[in-house]
Amino acid sequence: MSPLAFTKRLSRLRWREWLILSEASAMLALASLAISFVPFRTLVGALGAAHPHAGGDASSDARRADEASWAVRAAAPFLPWRTVCFQKGLALHVMLRRRGIRSLLHYGVAQREETGLAAHVWVSAGERVLIGGREAPEFACLATYPAAPQI
């Protein structure tokens, strides 16, 4: 997208979209810092803490989850550092939890001939994968955060 087209698109955003883009940018920054400086065990331990569910209806939760997912995907390419699935997934997971929407952060691995072991993170809410879903089928899920209940 050319800078002019991008500027025109930004000028059409509503104030609510600007707010959620700002939140996504801040969450991506915090996720990047956390991944760099917080031990993994501590970081994933904190992922289980959710705000109480606000009791919204399913369609409202789905709309808010889609908005948050859009904001993370839209903000990530314009940050001055590289964001990958782990930062995006962590940022979205936190944004959903703040809204009282239950979500799972999935951590998976795959063995690749050309590069060796690869890792991937994706986020789901209910049956829907909100971010990282295109690549997810290639990876074996090792863990979910918060931990999925054992059956």
Protein backbone atom coordinates (compact mmCIF):
# COMPACT_ATOMS: atom_id res chain seq x y z
CA MET A 1 0.00 0.00 0.00
CA SER A 2 1.41 3.39 -0.97
CA PRO A 3 1.93 6.04 1.74
CA LEU A 4 -0.83 8.16 0.18
CA ALA A 5 -3.32 5.27 0.16
CA PHE A 6 -2.37 4.43 3.74
CA THR A 7 -2.86 8.05 4.83
CA LYS A 8 -6.29 8.16 3.17
CA ARG A 9 -7.28 4.93 4.88
CA LEU A 10 -6.17 6.25 8.27
CA SER A 11 -8.17 9.44 7.75
CA ARG A 12 -11.36 7.35 7.42
CA LEU A 13 -10.95 5.62 10.78
CA ARG A 14 -13.44 6.45 13.52
CA TRP A 15 -12.24 7.55 16.95
CA ARG A 16 -13.10 4.11 18.40
CA GLU A 17 -10.84 2.44 15.84
CA TRP A 18 -8.03 4.87 16.72
CA LEU A 19 -8.42 3.96 20.38
CA ILE A 20 -8.24 0.23 19.80
CA LEU A 21 -5.26 0.66 17.45
CA SER A 22 -3.53 2.64 20.18
CA GLU A 23 -4.30 -0.07 22.71
CA ALA A 24 -3.01 -2.77 20.35
CA SER A 25 0.22 -0.80 19.78
CA ALA A 26 0.72 -0.45 23.53
CA MET A 27 -0.01 -4.14 24.13
CA LEU A 28 2.43 -5.14 21.37
CA ALA A 29 5.10 -2.97 23.01
CA LEU A 30 4.41 -4.49 26.43
CA ALA A 31 4.39 -8.00 24.97
CA SER A 32 7.75 -7.38 23.29
CA LEU A 33 9.24 -6.10 26.54
CA ALA A 34 7.77 -8.97 28.55
CA ILE A 35 9.10 -11.57 26.14
CA SER A 36 12.55 -9.97 26.29
CA PHE A 37 12.82 -9.46 30.04
CA VAL A 38 10.37 -11.69 31.93
CA PRO A 39 11.17 -15.39 32.42
CA PHE A 40 8.87 -17.58 30.31
CA ARG A 41 7.52 -19.46 33.34
CA THR A 42 6.52 -16.19 35.04
CA LEU A 43 5.02 -14.80 31.87
CA VAL A 44 2.80 -17.79 31.11
CA GLY A 45 1.81 -18.05 34.76
CA ALA A 46 0.30 -14.59 34.49
CA LEU A 47 -1.74 -15.54 31.41
CA GLY A 48 -4.31 -17.40 33.48
CA ALA A 49 -5.47 -14.27 35.27
CA ALA A 50 -8.66 -13.09 33.60
CA HIS A 51 -10.98 -10.27 34.41
CA PRO A 52 -14.44 -11.52 35.36
CA HIS A 53 -16.64 -12.10 32.35
CA ALA A 54 -18.88 -9.12 31.79
CA GLY A 55 -21.75 -11.35 30.73
CA GLY A 56 -22.05 -9.93 27.23
CA ASP A 57 -23.86 -11.89 24.58
CA ALA A 58 -21.96 -14.15 22.21
CA SER A 59 -22.37 -11.85 19.19
CA SER A 60 -21.06 -8.87 21.18
CA ASP A 61 -18.07 -10.91 22.40
CA ALA A 62 -17.37 -12.09 18.83
CA ARG A 63 -17.52 -8.53 17.50
CA ARG A 64 -15.19 -7.23 20.22
CA ALA A 65 -12.80 -10.16 19.66
CA ASP A 66 -12.75 -9.43 15.92
CA GLU A 67 -12.04 -5.74 16.60
CA ALA A 68 -9.13 -6.58 18.89
CA SER A 69 -7.73 -9.10 16.41
CA TRP A 70 -8.00 -6.56 13.59
CA ALA A 71 -6.22 -3.93 15.69
CA VAL A 72 -3.27 -6.20 16.54
CA ARG A 73 -2.86 -7.27 12.91
CA ALA A 74 -3.20 -3.66 11.68
CA ALA A 75 -0.80 -2.12 14.21
CA ALA A 76 1.99 -4.73 14.09
CA PRO A 77 3.50 -3.90 10.68
CA PHE A 78 3.86 -0.21 11.54
CA LEU A 79 5.80 -0.57 14.75
CA PRO A 80 9.52 0.29 14.60
CA TRP A 81 10.50 -3.26 15.62
CA ARG A 82 9.69 -6.67 14.24
CA THR A 83 6.69 -8.41 15.76
CA VAL A 84 6.12 -12.12 15.30
CA CYS A 85 3.37 -14.50 16.33
CA PHE A 86 4.43 -14.58 19.99
CA GLN A 87 4.10 -10.81 20.48
CA LYS A 88 0.88 -10.65 18.46
CA GLY A 89 -0.65 -13.61 20.29
CA LEU A 90 0.30 -12.33 23.71
CA ALA A 91 -1.01 -8.83 22.94
CA LEU A 92 -4.33 -10.16 21.63
CA HIS A 93 -4.72 -12.62 24.50
CA VAL A 94 -4.28 -9.81 27.04
CA MET A 95 -6.67 -7.51 25.15
CA LEU A 96 -9.35 -10.23 25.11
CA ARG A 97 -8.85 -11.04 28.80
CA ARG A 98 -9.22 -7.33 29.64
CA ARG A 99 -12.59 -7.41 27.86
CA GLY A 100 -13.70 -10.48 29.80
CA ILE A 101 -13.53 -12.70 26.72
CA ARG A 102 -12.17 -16.15 27.44
CA SER A 103 -9.32 -17.06 25.13
CA LEU A 104 -6.51 -19.54 24.86
CA LEU A 105 -2.96 -18.82 23.77
CA HIS A 106 -1.66 -21.93 22.00
CA TYR A 107 2.03 -22.75 21.79
CA GLY A 108 3.05 -25.26 19.14
CA VAL A 109 6.13 -26.66 17.43
CA ALA A 110 6.94 -28.29 14.10
CA GLN A 111 10.02 -29.98 12.71
CA ARG A 112 11.06 -28.46 9.38
CA GLU A 113 13.62 -30.00 7.05
CA GLU A 114 15.06 -26.66 5.96
CA THR A 115 15.16 -24.82 9.30
CA GLY A 116 14.80 -27.44 12.01
CA LEU A 117 12.50 -26.90 14.96
CA ALA A 118 10.00 -24.05 14.53
CA ALA A 119 7.58 -22.60 17.06
CA HIS A 120 4.26 -20.81 16.55
CA VAL A 121 1.69 -19.08 18.75
CA TRP A 122 -1.99 -18.62 17.97
CA VAL A 123 -5.03 -17.42 19.90
CA SER A 124 -8.50 -18.91 19.97
CA ALA A 125 -11.74 -17.87 21.59
CA GLY A 126 -14.27 -20.67 21.70
CA GLU A 127 -14.03 -22.57 18.44
CA ARG A 128 -12.58 -19.64 16.48
CA VAL A 129 -8.90 -18.98 15.88
CA LEU A 130 -8.47 -15.21 15.92
CA ILE A 131 -4.82 -14.79 15.05
CA GLY A 132 -2.14 -17.14 13.74
CA GLY A 133 -4.68 -19.63 12.44
CA ARG A 134 -3.41 -19.96 8.90
CA GLU A 135 -0.13 -21.52 10.07
CA ALA A 136 -1.53 -23.36 13.12
CA PRO A 137 -2.42 -26.68 11.39
CA GLU A 138 1.29 -27.22 10.62
CA PHE A 139 2.18 -27.19 14.33
CA ALA A 140 1.63 -29.69 17.12
CA CYS A 141 0.16 -27.84 20.09
CA LEU A 142 2.39 -28.39 23.13
CA ALA A 143 0.54 -26.19 25.59
CA THR A 144 -2.28 -23.72 26.01
CA TYR A 145 -2.41 -20.81 28.40
CA PRO A 146 -4.29 -20.82 30.59
CA ALA A 147 -3.98 -24.57 30.71
CA ALA A 148 -6.87 -26.39 29.08
CA PRO A 149 -8.82 -28.59 31.49
CA GLN A 150 -7.79 -32.24 31.52
CA ILE A 151 -10.49 -34.73 30.52
